[in-house]
Amino acid sequence: MLQRIQSLFLAIVGISMGIFVVLPIWNKTATDQSQTVVLNALRLVHKQGITESITPVWYIAVLAVVVAGVAFFALFQYKNRLLQSGVCALNSILMTVLMALVMYFVFGKAQDFFDPTLQGHFDFGFYALVTALLSNVLANRFIRRDEKFVRAQDRMR
């Protein structure tokens, strides 16, 4: 049923992925304010004065939309808890790949644009991804708990 706690967590996953796509994930600004690097779900932008270097990373946004779609699909599979649990496990794998891509672009590409000793900082988009990951784990836990409860009730009949 849709009023279960795992439904709330799955909805949080979908909403968090929408926030992840819209908001910046990471940025870094030089101490003299002459250069900035911003990573969002669509592109990595290095701005130096009036020139901009744009690296498209649209596949991060596509993967985030797929994760949100899978979460909403799992949300409506409440009648088949085993399928719902499997879909949540698939979503965990997809979000792990998404997190790995974000880390690759932050620490592999963007960090080295200027002054590698200067650290950037993560923005709300990154924290939306972390929230989605944790919500998906909690949803899967509650789905499994419900399935265990139903099986225990079936044994008593």
N, C-alpha and C. Protein backbone atom coordinates (compact mmCIF):
# COMPACT_ATOMS: atom_id res chain seq x y z
N MET A 1 0.83 -1.18 0.00
CA MET A 1 0.00 0.00 0.00
C MET A 1 0.88 1.25 0.00
N LEU A 2 0.35 2.31 -0.52
CA LEU A 2 1.12 3.53 -0.64
C LEU A 2 1.35 4.25 0.68
N GLN A 3 0.63 3.90 1.73
CA GLN A 3 0.81 4.61 2.99
C GLN A 3 1.91 3.99 3.86
N ARG A 4 2.62 3.04 3.38
CA ARG A 4 3.71 2.44 4.13
C ARG A 4 4.92 3.39 4.16
N ILE A 5 5.80 3.18 5.13
CA ILE A 5 6.96 4.05 5.31
C ILE A 5 7.93 3.94 4.13
N GLN A 6 8.02 2.74 3.53
CA GLN A 6 8.94 2.60 2.40
C GLN A 6 8.47 3.41 1.21
N SER A 7 7.19 3.66 1.09
CA SER A 7 6.68 4.50 0.02
C SER A 7 7.17 5.93 0.19
N LEU A 8 7.20 6.40 1.42
CA LEU A 8 7.73 7.72 1.70
C LEU A 8 9.20 7.80 1.32
N PHE A 9 9.96 6.78 1.70
CA PHE A 9 11.39 6.78 1.37
C PHE A 9 11.63 6.71 -0.13
N LEU A 10 10.84 5.93 -0.84
CA LEU A 10 10.98 5.86 -2.30
C LEU A 10 10.61 7.18 -2.96
N ALA A 11 9.61 7.86 -2.42
CA ALA A 11 9.26 9.19 -2.93
C ALA A 11 10.40 10.18 -2.68
N ILE A 12 11.04 10.07 -1.52
CA ILE A 12 12.19 10.93 -1.22
C ILE A 12 13.32 10.68 -2.20
N VAL A 13 13.53 9.42 -2.59
CA VAL A 13 14.56 9.10 -3.59
C VAL A 13 14.26 9.82 -4.90
N GLY A 14 13.02 9.74 -5.37
CA GLY A 14 12.66 10.38 -6.63
C GLY A 14 12.79 11.89 -6.57
N ILE A 15 12.33 12.49 -5.49
CA ILE A 15 12.42 13.94 -5.33
C ILE A 15 13.87 14.39 -5.19
N SER A 16 14.67 13.64 -4.46
CA SER A 16 16.08 13.97 -4.29
C SER A 16 16.84 13.92 -5.62
N MET A 17 16.47 12.96 -6.46
CA MET A 17 17.12 12.89 -7.77
C MET A 17 16.74 14.09 -8.64
N GLY A 18 15.52 14.57 -8.51
CA GLY A 18 15.12 15.78 -9.22
C GLY A 18 15.92 16.98 -8.74
N ILE A 19 16.11 17.09 -7.44
CA ILE A 19 16.93 18.16 -6.87
C ILE A 19 18.37 18.02 -7.33
N PHE A 20 18.87 16.80 -7.38
CA PHE A 20 20.24 16.54 -7.83
C PHE A 20 20.46 17.05 -9.25
N VAL A 21 19.49 16.87 -10.13
CA VAL A 21 19.63 17.29 -11.52
C VAL A 21 19.61 18.81 -11.63
N VAL A 22 18.85 19.48 -10.80
CA VAL A 22 18.64 20.92 -10.93
C VAL A 22 19.75 21.74 -10.26
N LEU A 23 20.20 21.34 -9.09
CA LEU A 23 21.14 22.14 -8.31
C LEU A 23 22.59 21.78 -8.60
N PRO A 24 23.53 22.71 -8.34
CA PRO A 24 24.95 22.41 -8.51
C PRO A 24 25.41 21.33 -7.53
N ILE A 25 26.37 20.53 -7.98
CA ILE A 25 26.87 19.43 -7.16
C ILE A 25 28.13 19.84 -6.40
N TRP A 26 29.03 20.55 -7.09
CA TRP A 26 30.32 20.89 -6.50
C TRP A 26 30.81 22.17 -7.14
N ASN A 27 31.53 22.99 -6.37
CA ASN A 27 32.17 24.18 -6.96
C ASN A 27 33.45 24.51 -6.24
N LYS A 28 34.26 25.27 -6.93
CA LYS A 28 35.56 25.69 -6.40
C LYS A 28 35.86 27.07 -6.96
N THR A 29 36.29 27.98 -6.11
CA THR A 29 36.61 29.34 -6.52
C THR A 29 38.03 29.65 -6.09
N ALA A 30 38.79 30.31 -6.98
CA ALA A 30 40.15 30.71 -6.66
C ALA A 30 40.14 31.77 -5.56
N THR A 31 41.24 31.89 -4.85
CA THR A 31 41.31 32.86 -3.76
C THR A 31 41.20 34.29 -4.26
N ASP A 32 41.64 34.55 -5.47
CA ASP A 32 41.54 35.91 -6.03
C ASP A 32 40.27 36.11 -6.87
N GLN A 33 39.37 35.15 -6.81
CA GLN A 33 38.08 35.20 -7.51
C GLN A 33 38.20 35.27 -9.04
N SER A 34 39.36 34.92 -9.59
CA SER A 34 39.54 35.02 -11.05
C SER A 34 39.07 33.76 -11.78
N GLN A 35 39.00 32.64 -11.08
CA GLN A 35 38.61 31.38 -11.71
C GLN A 35 37.58 30.66 -10.84
N THR A 36 36.65 29.99 -11.51
CA THR A 36 35.70 29.14 -10.81
C THR A 36 35.49 27.87 -11.61
N VAL A 37 35.17 26.81 -10.89
CA VAL A 37 34.80 25.54 -11.50
C VAL A 37 33.49 25.12 -10.84
N VAL A 38 32.49 24.80 -11.67
CA VAL A 38 31.19 24.39 -11.16
C VAL A 38 30.80 23.10 -11.87
N LEU A 39 30.41 22.10 -11.08
CA LEU A 39 29.92 20.84 -11.62
C LEU A 39 28.44 20.73 -11.29
N ASN A 40 27.62 20.54 -12.32
CA ASN A 40 26.23 20.19 -12.10
C ASN A 40 25.95 18.93 -12.90
N ALA A 41 24.73 18.48 -12.95
CA ALA A 41 24.42 17.20 -13.57
C ALA A 41 24.55 17.24 -15.10
N LEU A 42 24.61 18.41 -15.68
CA LEU A 42 24.69 18.51 -17.13
C LEU A 42 26.06 18.88 -17.66
N ARG A 43 26.83 19.65 -16.88
CA ARG A 43 28.13 20.08 -17.40
C ARG A 43 29.09 20.47 -16.29
N LEU A 44 30.36 20.45 -16.65
CA LEU A 44 31.44 20.92 -15.80
C LEU A 44 31.97 22.19 -16.44
N VAL A 45 31.84 23.31 -15.74
CA VAL A 45 32.19 24.61 -16.30
C VAL A 45 33.40 25.17 -15.56
N HIS A 46 34.46 25.47 -16.33
CA HIS A 46 35.63 26.15 -15.80
C HIS A 46 35.63 27.55 -16.39
N LYS A 47 35.43 28.53 -15.53
CA LYS A 47 35.36 29.93 -15.98
C LYS A 47 36.62 30.64 -15.51
N GLN A 48 37.35 31.21 -16.48
CA GLN A 48 38.58 31.94 -16.18
C GLN A 48 38.47 33.30 -16.84
N GLY A 49 38.16 34.31 -16.03
CA GLY A 49 37.93 35.64 -16.58
C GLY A 49 36.65 35.64 -17.40
N ILE A 50 36.81 35.96 -18.71
CA ILE A 50 35.63 35.96 -19.58
C ILE A 50 35.53 34.69 -20.43
N THR A 51 36.52 33.83 -20.35
CA THR A 51 36.48 32.59 -21.13
C THR A 51 35.91 31.45 -20.28
N GLU A 52 35.15 30.61 -20.95
CA GLU A 52 34.56 29.44 -20.29
C GLU A 52 34.94 28.18 -21.03
N SER A 53 35.29 27.17 -20.27
CA SER A 53 35.54 25.85 -20.81
C SER A 53 34.45 24.93 -20.27
N ILE A 54 33.64 24.38 -21.19
CA ILE A 54 32.51 23.55 -20.78
C ILE A 54 32.74 22.11 -21.20
N THR A 55 32.66 21.22 -20.23
CA THR A 55 32.74 19.79 -20.50
C THR A 55 31.35 19.20 -20.25
N PRO A 56 30.72 18.66 -21.29
CA PRO A 56 29.38 18.10 -21.07
C PRO A 56 29.44 16.78 -20.28
N VAL A 57 28.60 16.68 -19.29
CA VAL A 57 28.47 15.45 -18.49
C VAL A 57 27.00 15.10 -18.36
N TRP A 58 26.27 15.20 -19.46
CA TRP A 58 24.82 14.99 -19.49
C TRP A 58 24.42 13.59 -19.06
N TYR A 59 25.31 12.63 -19.19
CA TYR A 59 24.99 11.26 -18.81
C TYR A 59 24.77 11.13 -17.31
N ILE A 60 25.32 12.04 -16.52
CA ILE A 60 25.02 12.05 -15.09
C ILE A 60 23.55 12.39 -14.88
N ALA A 61 23.06 13.38 -15.62
CA ALA A 61 21.64 13.76 -15.52
C ALA A 61 20.74 12.63 -16.01
N VAL A 62 21.13 11.98 -17.09
CA VAL A 62 20.33 10.87 -17.62
C VAL A 62 20.25 9.74 -16.60
N LEU A 63 21.37 9.41 -15.99
CA LEU A 63 21.39 8.36 -14.97
C LEU A 63 20.55 8.76 -13.75
N ALA A 64 20.58 10.03 -13.38
CA ALA A 64 19.77 10.49 -12.26
C ALA A 64 18.28 10.40 -12.57
N VAL A 65 17.90 10.70 -13.80
CA VAL A 65 16.49 10.58 -14.20
C VAL A 65 16.08 9.11 -14.22
N VAL A 66 16.97 8.24 -14.67
CA VAL A 66 16.68 6.80 -14.65
C VAL A 66 16.48 6.32 -13.21
N VAL A 67 17.34 6.78 -12.30
CA VAL A 67 17.21 6.41 -10.89
C VAL A 67 15.87 6.88 -10.33
N ALA A 68 15.48 8.11 -10.66
CA ALA A 68 14.19 8.62 -10.19
C ALA A 68 13.04 7.81 -10.78
N GLY A 69 13.14 7.45 -12.05
CA GLY A 69 12.11 6.63 -12.68
C GLY A 69 12.00 5.26 -12.06
N VAL A 70 13.14 4.65 -11.77
CA VAL A 70 13.14 3.33 -11.12
C VAL A 70 12.55 3.42 -9.72
N ALA A 71 12.85 4.52 -9.01
CA ALA A 71 12.28 4.69 -7.66
C ALA A 71 10.77 4.84 -7.72
N PHE A 72 10.26 5.60 -8.68
CA PHE A 72 8.81 5.75 -8.79
C PHE A 72 8.15 4.46 -9.28
N PHE A 73 8.87 3.69 -10.12
CA PHE A 73 8.36 2.38 -10.51
C PHE A 73 8.25 1.47 -9.29
N ALA A 74 9.29 1.46 -8.47
CA ALA A 74 9.29 0.63 -7.26
C ALA A 74 8.21 1.08 -6.29
N LEU A 75 7.92 2.36 -6.27
CA LEU A 75 6.89 2.89 -5.38
C LEU A 75 5.54 2.25 -5.65
N PHE A 76 5.24 1.98 -6.92
CA PHE A 76 3.94 1.42 -7.27
C PHE A 76 3.94 -0.10 -7.39
N GLN A 77 5.01 -0.75 -6.97
CA GLN A 77 5.07 -2.21 -6.95
C GLN A 77 4.83 -2.76 -5.55
N TYR A 78 3.98 -2.09 -4.80
CA TYR A 78 3.75 -2.46 -3.40
C TYR A 78 3.06 -3.81 -3.25
N LYS A 79 2.41 -4.31 -4.28
CA LYS A 79 1.74 -5.61 -4.18
C LYS A 79 2.72 -6.78 -4.30
N ASN A 80 3.86 -6.53 -4.89
CA ASN A 80 4.88 -7.57 -5.07
C ASN A 80 6.15 -7.10 -4.38
N ARG A 81 6.28 -7.40 -3.10
CA ARG A 81 7.39 -6.90 -2.31
C ARG A 81 8.74 -7.46 -2.76
N LEU A 82 8.77 -8.67 -3.27
CA LEU A 82 10.04 -9.22 -3.74
C LEU A 82 10.55 -8.46 -4.96
N LEU A 83 9.65 -8.14 -5.88
CA LEU A 83 10.04 -7.32 -7.04
C LEU A 83 10.45 -5.93 -6.58
N GLN A 84 9.71 -5.37 -5.65
CA GLN A 84 10.03 -4.04 -5.14
C GLN A 84 11.41 -4.03 -4.49
N SER A 85 11.73 -5.07 -3.75
CA SER A 85 13.04 -5.17 -3.12
C SER A 85 14.15 -5.31 -4.16
N GLY A 86 13.89 -6.10 -5.19
CA GLY A 86 14.87 -6.25 -6.27
C GLY A 86 15.10 -4.96 -7.03
N VAL A 87 14.03 -4.23 -7.27
CA VAL A 87 14.15 -2.94 -7.97
C VAL A 87 14.93 -1.95 -7.11
N CYS A 88 14.72 -1.98 -5.79
CA CYS A 88 15.49 -1.11 -4.90
C CYS A 88 16.97 -1.49 -4.90
N ALA A 89 17.26 -2.77 -4.99
CA ALA A 89 18.66 -3.21 -5.07
C ALA A 89 19.29 -2.72 -6.37
N LEU A 90 18.55 -2.81 -7.47
CA LEU A 90 19.04 -2.27 -8.75
C LEU A 90 19.27 -0.77 -8.64
N ASN A 91 18.37 -0.08 -7.97
CA ASN A 91 18.51 1.36 -7.79
C ASN A 91 19.75 1.70 -6.96
N SER A 92 20.06 0.87 -5.98
CA SER A 92 21.27 1.08 -5.19
C SER A 92 22.52 0.98 -6.05
N ILE A 93 22.53 0.02 -6.96
CA ILE A 93 23.66 -0.14 -7.87
C ILE A 93 23.78 1.07 -8.78
N LEU A 94 22.65 1.53 -9.33
CA LEU A 94 22.68 2.70 -10.20
C LEU A 94 23.15 3.95 -9.46
N MET A 95 22.72 4.11 -8.22
CA MET A 95 23.16 5.28 -7.45
C MET A 95 24.63 5.18 -7.06
N THR A 96 25.13 3.98 -6.88
CA THR A 96 26.56 3.81 -6.61
C THR A 96 27.38 4.21 -7.83
N VAL A 97 26.91 3.83 -9.02
CA VAL A 97 27.57 4.24 -10.26
C VAL A 97 27.51 5.76 -10.39
N LEU A 98 26.37 6.35 -10.07
CA LEU A 98 26.21 7.80 -10.13
C LEU A 98 27.16 8.49 -9.17
N MET A 99 27.28 7.98 -7.96
CA MET A 99 28.21 8.55 -6.98
C MET A 99 29.66 8.42 -7.46
N ALA A 100 29.98 7.29 -8.08
CA ALA A 100 31.34 7.09 -8.61
C ALA A 100 31.62 8.09 -9.73
N LEU A 101 30.66 8.35 -10.60
CA LEU A 101 30.85 9.34 -11.66
C LEU A 101 31.06 10.74 -11.08
N VAL A 102 30.29 11.09 -10.08
CA VAL A 102 30.45 12.40 -9.45
C VAL A 102 31.84 12.52 -8.82
N MET A 103 32.27 11.48 -8.11
CA MET A 103 33.59 11.51 -7.49
C MET A 103 34.71 11.57 -8.53
N TYR A 104 34.52 10.88 -9.64
CA TYR A 104 35.51 10.92 -10.71
C TYR A 104 35.66 12.34 -11.25
N PHE A 105 34.54 13.00 -11.50
CA PHE A 105 34.63 14.35 -12.05
C PHE A 105 35.11 15.36 -11.03
N VAL A 106 34.78 15.18 -9.77
CA VAL A 106 35.24 16.11 -8.74
C VAL A 106 36.73 15.94 -8.48
N PHE A 107 37.14 14.72 -8.18
CA PHE A 107 38.53 14.51 -7.79
C PHE A 107 39.46 14.17 -8.95
N GLY A 108 38.92 13.67 -10.06
CA GLY A 108 39.76 13.32 -11.20
C GLY A 108 39.91 14.43 -12.21
N LYS A 109 38.90 15.23 -12.40
CA LYS A 109 38.93 16.26 -13.44
C LYS A 109 38.93 17.67 -12.86
N ALA A 110 37.92 18.01 -12.08
CA ALA A 110 37.69 19.39 -11.67
C ALA A 110 38.71 19.89 -10.65
N GLN A 111 39.17 19.03 -9.79
CA GLN A 111 40.09 19.45 -8.73
C GLN A 111 41.40 19.99 -9.30
N ASP A 112 41.82 19.53 -10.47
CA ASP A 112 43.12 19.89 -11.02
C ASP A 112 43.09 21.09 -11.97
N PHE A 113 41.97 21.74 -12.13
CA PHE A 113 41.92 22.88 -13.05
C PHE A 113 42.85 24.01 -12.61
N PHE A 114 42.84 24.37 -11.38
CA PHE A 114 43.73 25.40 -10.86
C PHE A 114 43.97 25.13 -9.38
N ASP A 115 45.15 25.45 -8.93
CA ASP A 115 45.54 25.32 -7.52
C ASP A 115 45.01 24.03 -6.88
N PRO A 116 45.67 22.90 -7.16
CA PRO A 116 45.19 21.63 -6.62
C PRO A 116 45.16 21.57 -5.09
N THR A 117 45.88 22.46 -4.42
CA THR A 117 45.85 22.46 -2.96
C THR A 117 44.58 23.11 -2.42
N LEU A 118 43.93 23.93 -3.23
CA LEU A 118 42.69 24.58 -2.83
C LEU A 118 41.53 23.60 -2.99
N GLN A 119 40.82 23.36 -1.92
CA GLN A 119 39.71 22.42 -1.96
C GLN A 119 38.42 23.13 -2.34
N GLY A 120 37.62 22.48 -3.14
CA GLY A 120 36.29 22.98 -3.45
C GLY A 120 35.32 22.50 -2.37
N HIS A 121 34.04 22.78 -2.57
CA HIS A 121 33.07 22.29 -1.61
C HIS A 121 31.84 21.75 -2.33
N PHE A 122 31.23 20.78 -1.69
CA PHE A 122 30.04 20.14 -2.24
C PHE A 122 28.83 21.01 -1.97
N ASP A 123 27.94 21.05 -2.94
CA ASP A 123 26.72 21.85 -2.83
C ASP A 123 25.52 20.96 -2.55
N PHE A 124 24.33 21.56 -2.57
CA PHE A 124 23.10 20.85 -2.23
C PHE A 124 22.80 19.68 -3.16
N GLY A 125 23.23 19.75 -4.40
CA GLY A 125 23.00 18.64 -5.32
C GLY A 125 23.65 17.35 -4.85
N PHE A 126 24.86 17.47 -4.33
CA PHE A 126 25.57 16.29 -3.81
C PHE A 126 24.84 15.72 -2.60
N TYR A 127 24.39 16.60 -1.72
CA TYR A 127 23.69 16.14 -0.52
C TYR A 127 22.34 15.53 -0.87
N ALA A 128 21.74 15.97 -1.97
CA ALA A 128 20.50 15.33 -2.44
C ALA A 128 20.79 13.90 -2.87
N LEU A 129 21.94 13.68 -3.52
CA LEU A 129 22.33 12.32 -3.91
C LEU A 129 22.55 11.44 -2.69
N VAL A 130 23.21 11.97 -1.68
CA VAL A 130 23.45 11.21 -0.44
C VAL A 130 22.11 10.89 0.25
N THR A 131 21.21 11.87 0.26
CA THR A 131 19.88 11.65 0.84
C THR A 131 19.13 10.55 0.09
N ALA A 132 19.22 10.57 -1.23
CA ALA A 132 18.57 9.54 -2.04
C ALA A 132 19.15 8.16 -1.75
N LEU A 133 20.47 8.08 -1.64
CA LEU A 133 21.11 6.80 -1.35
C LEU A 133 20.64 6.25 0.00
N LEU A 134 20.64 7.08 1.02
CA LEU A 134 20.21 6.63 2.34
C LEU A 134 18.73 6.27 2.36
N SER A 135 17.91 7.05 1.68
CA SER A 135 16.48 6.76 1.63
C SER A 135 16.21 5.44 0.92
N ASN A 136 16.98 5.16 -0.12
CA ASN A 136 16.80 3.90 -0.84
C ASN A 136 17.17 2.71 0.04
N VAL A 137 18.24 2.84 0.81
CA VAL A 137 18.63 1.77 1.72
C VAL A 137 17.55 1.55 2.78
N LEU A 138 17.02 2.64 3.32
CA LEU A 138 15.96 2.50 4.33
C LEU A 138 14.69 1.92 3.74
N ALA A 139 14.35 2.32 2.52
CA ALA A 139 13.16 1.76 1.87
C ALA A 139 13.32 0.26 1.68
N ASN A 140 14.49 -0.16 1.23
CA ASN A 140 14.74 -1.59 1.03
C ASN A 140 14.66 -2.34 2.36
N ARG A 141 15.16 -1.74 3.41
CA ARG A 141 15.10 -2.38 4.72
C ARG A 141 13.65 -2.58 5.18
N PHE A 142 12.82 -1.55 5.00
CA PHE A 142 11.42 -1.66 5.42
C PHE A 142 10.63 -2.61 4.52
N ILE A 143 10.97 -2.67 3.25
CA ILE A 143 10.32 -3.64 2.36
C ILE A 143 10.62 -5.05 2.81
N ARG A 144 11.87 -5.32 3.13
CA ARG A 144 12.25 -6.65 3.60
C ARG A 144 11.60 -6.99 4.95
N ARG A 145 11.48 -5.98 5.81
CA ARG A 145 10.83 -6.20 7.09
C ARG A 145 9.36 -6.56 6.90
N ASP A 146 8.68 -5.87 5.98
CA ASP A 146 7.28 -6.20 5.68
C ASP A 146 7.15 -7.61 5.12
N GLU A 147 8.05 -7.97 4.23
CA GLU A 147 8.01 -9.31 3.63
C GLU A 147 8.23 -10.37 4.70
N LYS A 148 9.16 -10.13 5.61
CA LYS A 148 9.41 -11.07 6.70
C LYS A 148 8.18 -11.19 7.61
N PHE A 149 7.52 -10.07 7.88
CA PHE A 149 6.32 -10.07 8.70
C PHE A 149 5.20 -10.86 8.03
N VAL A 150 5.00 -10.67 6.74
CA VAL A 150 3.95 -11.37 6.01
C VAL A 150 4.23 -12.87 5.98
N ARG A 151 5.48 -13.25 5.77
CA ARG A 151 5.83 -14.67 5.78
C ARG A 151 5.60 -15.29 7.15
N ALA A 152 5.90 -14.55 8.20
CA ALA A 152 5.68 -15.07 9.55
C ALA A 152 4.18 -15.25 9.81
N GLN A 153 3.37 -14.35 9.30
CA GLN A 153 1.92 -14.47 9.46
C GLN A 153 1.38 -15.64 8.67
N ASP A 154 1.93 -15.91 7.49
CA ASP A 154 1.49 -17.03 6.68
C ASP A 154 1.81 -18.36 7.36
N ARG A 155 2.91 -18.44 8.09
CA ARG A 155 3.28 -19.65 8.78
C ARG A 155 2.32 -19.98 9.91
N MET A 156 1.74 -18.95 10.51
CA MET A 156 0.84 -19.16 11.64
C MET A 156 -0.54 -19.64 11.21
N ARG A 157 -0.90 -19.47 9.97
CA ARG A 157 -2.22 -19.87 9.49
C ARG A 157 -2.35 -21.36 9.36
